[in-house]
Amino acid sequence: MIRKQKWLQLLILCGIVAAGFLAIGGSLFSQEEKPPEKGDAMLDFTLDGLDGQANSLASYKGQPIVLNFWGTFCEPCVREMPLLERFHQEHVDEGLQVIGVNLNEPVVSVRSFVRETDVSFQILLDKDVVRKRYGVLYFPTTFFIDKDGTIQEILIGEMTEPMLLSALNKIGVKGQPGGST
């Protein structure tokens, strides 16, 4: 009887150890992509814009990119839009690409918001795929990508002008507070 209990205990222990190895090994060798961090290369994606055209992030490589994940439901996102638009207008001739990735909202809502706020930079429509690949959990989240396609800064939450200026400097875009370049 005692001998059967020991074998049963040993069998249970071996099962637990095997399950642990499978769990650890599965995560170590998983094919799942980890979200990019500062210093990593940007992850390419293709999304439709408000104009219905497919846009690939890789097509902007060679230019500094501000990649902003936002939604009309997000008050901080809405408040920072005029700042992003202003810097887009001021630096578009220098090649700055500001790209807004909308977070899974109806096209009609996004189009109406863009019209009302006079946003002129590219707005792409995500169905929660790119947001997950980039590991975006909080809104707004903004990635600053240099001409080589390397993420130089990630800002989570509403940006102030000094925060935006500092991040733009990291991707080679020079600006001055108050709108003068």
Protein backbone atom coordinates (compact mmCIF):
# COMPACT_ATOMS: atom_id res chain seq x y z
CA MET A 1 0.00 0.00 0.00
CA ILE A 2 2.78 2.44 0.95
CA ARG A 3 4.68 1.44 -2.15
CA LYS A 4 1.65 2.26 -4.36
CA GLN A 5 1.31 5.67 -2.70
CA LYS A 6 4.96 6.47 -3.36
CA TRP A 7 4.58 5.50 -7.01
CA LEU A 8 1.45 7.62 -7.27
CA GLN A 9 3.22 10.58 -5.66
CA LEU A 10 6.19 10.13 -7.98
CA LEU A 11 3.88 9.94 -11.00
CA ILE A 12 2.07 13.14 -9.94
CA LEU A 13 5.39 14.92 -9.34
CA CYS A 14 6.66 13.87 -12.78
CA GLY A 15 3.43 15.14 -14.34
CA ILE A 16 3.79 18.53 -12.63
CA VAL A 17 7.45 18.83 -13.69
CA ALA A 18 6.57 17.86 -17.29
CA ALA A 19 3.75 20.42 -17.38
CA GLY A 20 6.15 23.08 -16.10
CA PHE A 21 8.71 22.28 -18.79
CA LEU A 22 6.03 22.43 -21.47
CA ALA A 23 4.77 25.80 -20.24
CA ILE A 24 8.26 27.32 -20.02
CA GLY A 25 9.46 25.74 -23.26
CA GLY A 26 6.31 26.81 -25.09
CA SER A 27 6.81 30.44 -24.16
CA LEU A 28 10.53 30.36 -24.93
CA PHE A 29 10.01 28.93 -28.40
CA SER A 30 6.76 30.67 -29.21
CA GLN A 31 6.44 32.21 -32.65
CA GLU A 32 4.43 35.09 -31.20
CA GLU A 33 5.93 38.50 -31.93
CA LYS A 34 6.88 40.61 -28.93
CA PRO A 35 5.79 44.25 -28.96
CA PRO A 36 8.54 46.65 -30.03
CA GLU A 37 10.42 48.70 -27.47
CA LYS A 38 12.62 51.76 -27.66
CA GLY A 39 15.64 50.86 -29.80
CA ASP A 40 13.80 48.16 -31.78
CA ALA A 41 13.00 48.29 -35.46
CA MET A 42 9.47 49.35 -36.33
CA LEU A 43 7.07 46.55 -37.16
CA ASP A 44 5.68 46.91 -40.65
CA PHE A 45 1.96 46.70 -41.26
CA THR A 46 -0.55 47.60 -43.93
CA LEU A 47 -3.86 49.28 -43.08
CA ASP A 48 -6.51 51.05 -45.09
CA GLY A 49 -6.72 54.81 -44.81
CA LEU A 50 -9.87 56.92 -44.75
CA ASP A 51 -9.50 57.18 -48.52
CA GLY A 52 -9.80 53.38 -48.84
CA GLN A 53 -6.20 52.99 -50.02
CA ALA A 54 -3.85 50.46 -48.41
CA ASN A 55 -0.91 52.10 -46.61
CA SER A 56 2.23 50.28 -45.53
CA LEU A 57 4.36 51.71 -42.72
CA ALA A 58 7.48 50.53 -44.58
CA SER A 59 6.63 52.92 -47.43
CA TYR A 60 7.48 55.80 -45.06
CA LYS A 61 10.94 54.44 -44.17
CA GLY A 62 13.61 57.05 -44.84
CA GLN A 63 11.44 59.74 -43.22
CA PRO A 64 10.87 60.51 -39.54
CA ILE A 65 7.54 59.06 -38.39
CA VAL A 66 5.18 59.93 -35.54
CA LEU A 67 2.87 56.91 -35.16
CA ASN A 68 -0.05 57.84 -32.90
CA PHE A 69 -2.63 55.28 -31.67
CA TRP A 70 -5.84 57.13 -30.83
CA GLY A 71 -9.62 57.05 -30.67
CA THR A 72 -12.43 59.58 -30.71
CA PHE A 73 -13.64 58.08 -27.40
CA CYS A 74 -10.35 59.09 -25.73
CA GLU A 75 -10.37 62.65 -24.35
CA PRO A 76 -6.56 62.93 -24.10
CA CYS A 77 -6.31 61.72 -27.72
CA VAL A 78 -8.76 64.38 -28.85
CA ARG A 79 -6.96 67.12 -26.86
CA GLU A 80 -3.55 66.34 -28.38
CA MET A 81 -4.77 66.25 -32.01
CA PRO A 82 -4.35 70.01 -32.60
CA LEU A 83 -0.74 69.80 -31.36
CA LEU A 84 0.01 66.86 -33.68
CA GLU A 85 -1.67 68.67 -36.58
CA ARG A 86 0.32 71.85 -35.96
CA PHE A 87 3.65 70.00 -35.92
CA HIS A 88 2.63 68.02 -38.99
CA GLN A 89 1.93 71.29 -40.86
CA GLU A 90 5.17 72.91 -39.65
CA HIS A 91 7.43 69.97 -40.58
CA VAL A 92 5.74 68.28 -43.53
CA ASP A 93 8.23 69.96 -45.93
CA GLU A 94 11.06 68.36 -43.94
CA GLY A 95 9.54 64.93 -44.53
CA LEU A 96 7.89 64.41 -41.14
CA GLN A 97 5.14 61.81 -41.42
CA VAL A 98 2.45 61.94 -38.76
CA ILE A 99 0.26 58.85 -38.96
CA GLY A 100 -2.79 58.36 -36.79
CA VAL A 101 -3.90 54.78 -36.21
CA ASN A 102 -7.54 54.78 -35.17
CA LEU A 103 -8.55 52.10 -32.74
CA ASN A 104 -11.36 50.04 -34.21
CA GLU A 105 -14.06 52.69 -34.62
CA PRO A 106 -16.67 53.01 -37.38
CA VAL A 107 -15.32 54.78 -40.46
CA VAL A 108 -18.16 57.31 -40.38
CA SER A 109 -17.22 58.39 -36.82
CA VAL A 110 -13.55 58.75 -37.69
CA ARG A 111 -14.26 60.62 -40.93
CA SER A 112 -16.61 63.02 -39.10
CA PHE A 113 -14.02 63.69 -36.37
CA VAL A 114 -11.26 64.34 -38.93
CA ARG A 115 -13.50 66.74 -40.85
CA GLU A 116 -14.54 68.65 -37.70
CA THR A 117 -10.97 69.02 -36.41
CA ASP A 118 -9.27 69.73 -39.77
CA VAL A 119 -6.75 66.90 -39.30
CA SER A 120 -4.75 66.64 -42.51
CA PHE A 121 -2.25 63.89 -41.69
CA GLN A 122 -2.79 60.26 -42.69
CA ILE A 123 -5.40 58.38 -40.64
CA LEU A 124 -5.32 54.59 -40.82
CA LEU A 125 -8.06 52.24 -39.64
CA ASP A 126 -7.05 49.38 -37.37
CA LYS A 127 -9.27 46.45 -36.44
CA ASP A 128 -7.27 45.83 -33.24
CA VAL A 129 -4.52 43.92 -35.05
CA VAL A 130 -1.73 46.54 -35.22
CA ARG A 131 -2.59 47.84 -31.74
CA LYS A 132 -1.96 44.35 -30.34
CA ARG A 133 1.26 43.86 -32.36
CA TYR A 134 2.59 47.14 -30.98
CA GLY A 135 1.49 46.24 -27.45
CA VAL A 136 -0.67 49.33 -27.05
CA LEU A 137 -2.75 49.11 -23.87
CA TYR A 138 -3.34 52.78 -23.05
CA PHE A 139 -4.46 55.65 -25.26
CA PRO A 140 -3.00 57.69 -26.70
CA THR A 141 0.30 55.91 -27.29
CA THR A 142 2.78 57.46 -29.69
CA PHE A 143 5.88 55.91 -31.28
CA PHE A 144 8.64 58.16 -32.65
CA ILE A 145 10.51 56.39 -35.44
CA ASP A 146 13.68 57.72 -37.06
CA LYS A 147 14.59 57.67 -40.76
CA ASP A 148 16.24 54.26 -40.35
CA GLY A 149 13.04 52.73 -38.98
CA THR A 150 14.25 52.54 -35.36
CA ILE A 151 11.87 53.42 -32.54
CA GLN A 152 13.57 56.23 -30.61
CA GLU A 153 10.80 57.10 -28.16
CA ILE A 154 7.44 55.80 -26.96
CA LEU A 155 5.09 58.17 -25.14
CA ILE A 156 2.04 56.84 -23.34
CA GLY A 157 -0.68 59.34 -22.48
CA GLU A 158 -1.42 62.86 -23.60
CA MET A 159 1.58 64.76 -24.95
CA THR A 160 2.48 68.28 -24.00
CA GLU A 161 4.40 70.50 -26.38
CA PRO A 162 7.73 70.06 -24.52
CA MET A 163 7.27 66.26 -24.57
CA LEU A 164 6.54 66.32 -28.30
CA LEU A 165 9.52 68.60 -29.02
CA SER A 166 11.88 66.35 -27.06
CA ALA A 167 10.65 63.22 -28.84
CA LEU A 168 10.82 64.90 -32.27
CA ASN A 169 14.43 65.93 -31.60
CA LYS A 170 15.25 62.24 -31.04
CA ILE A 171 14.12 61.46 -34.60
CA GLY A 172 15.93 64.40 -36.16
CA VAL A 173 13.09 66.92 -36.33
CA LYS A 174 13.95 70.29 -34.83
CA GLY A 175 11.26 72.57 -33.55
CA GLN A 176 10.74 75.46 -31.18
CA PRO A 177 8.03 75.98 -28.58
CA GLY A 178 5.12 78.12 -29.67
CA GLY A 179 5.08 77.02 -33.27
CA SER A 180 8.18 78.65 -34.74
CA THR A 181 10.65 76.35 -36.45
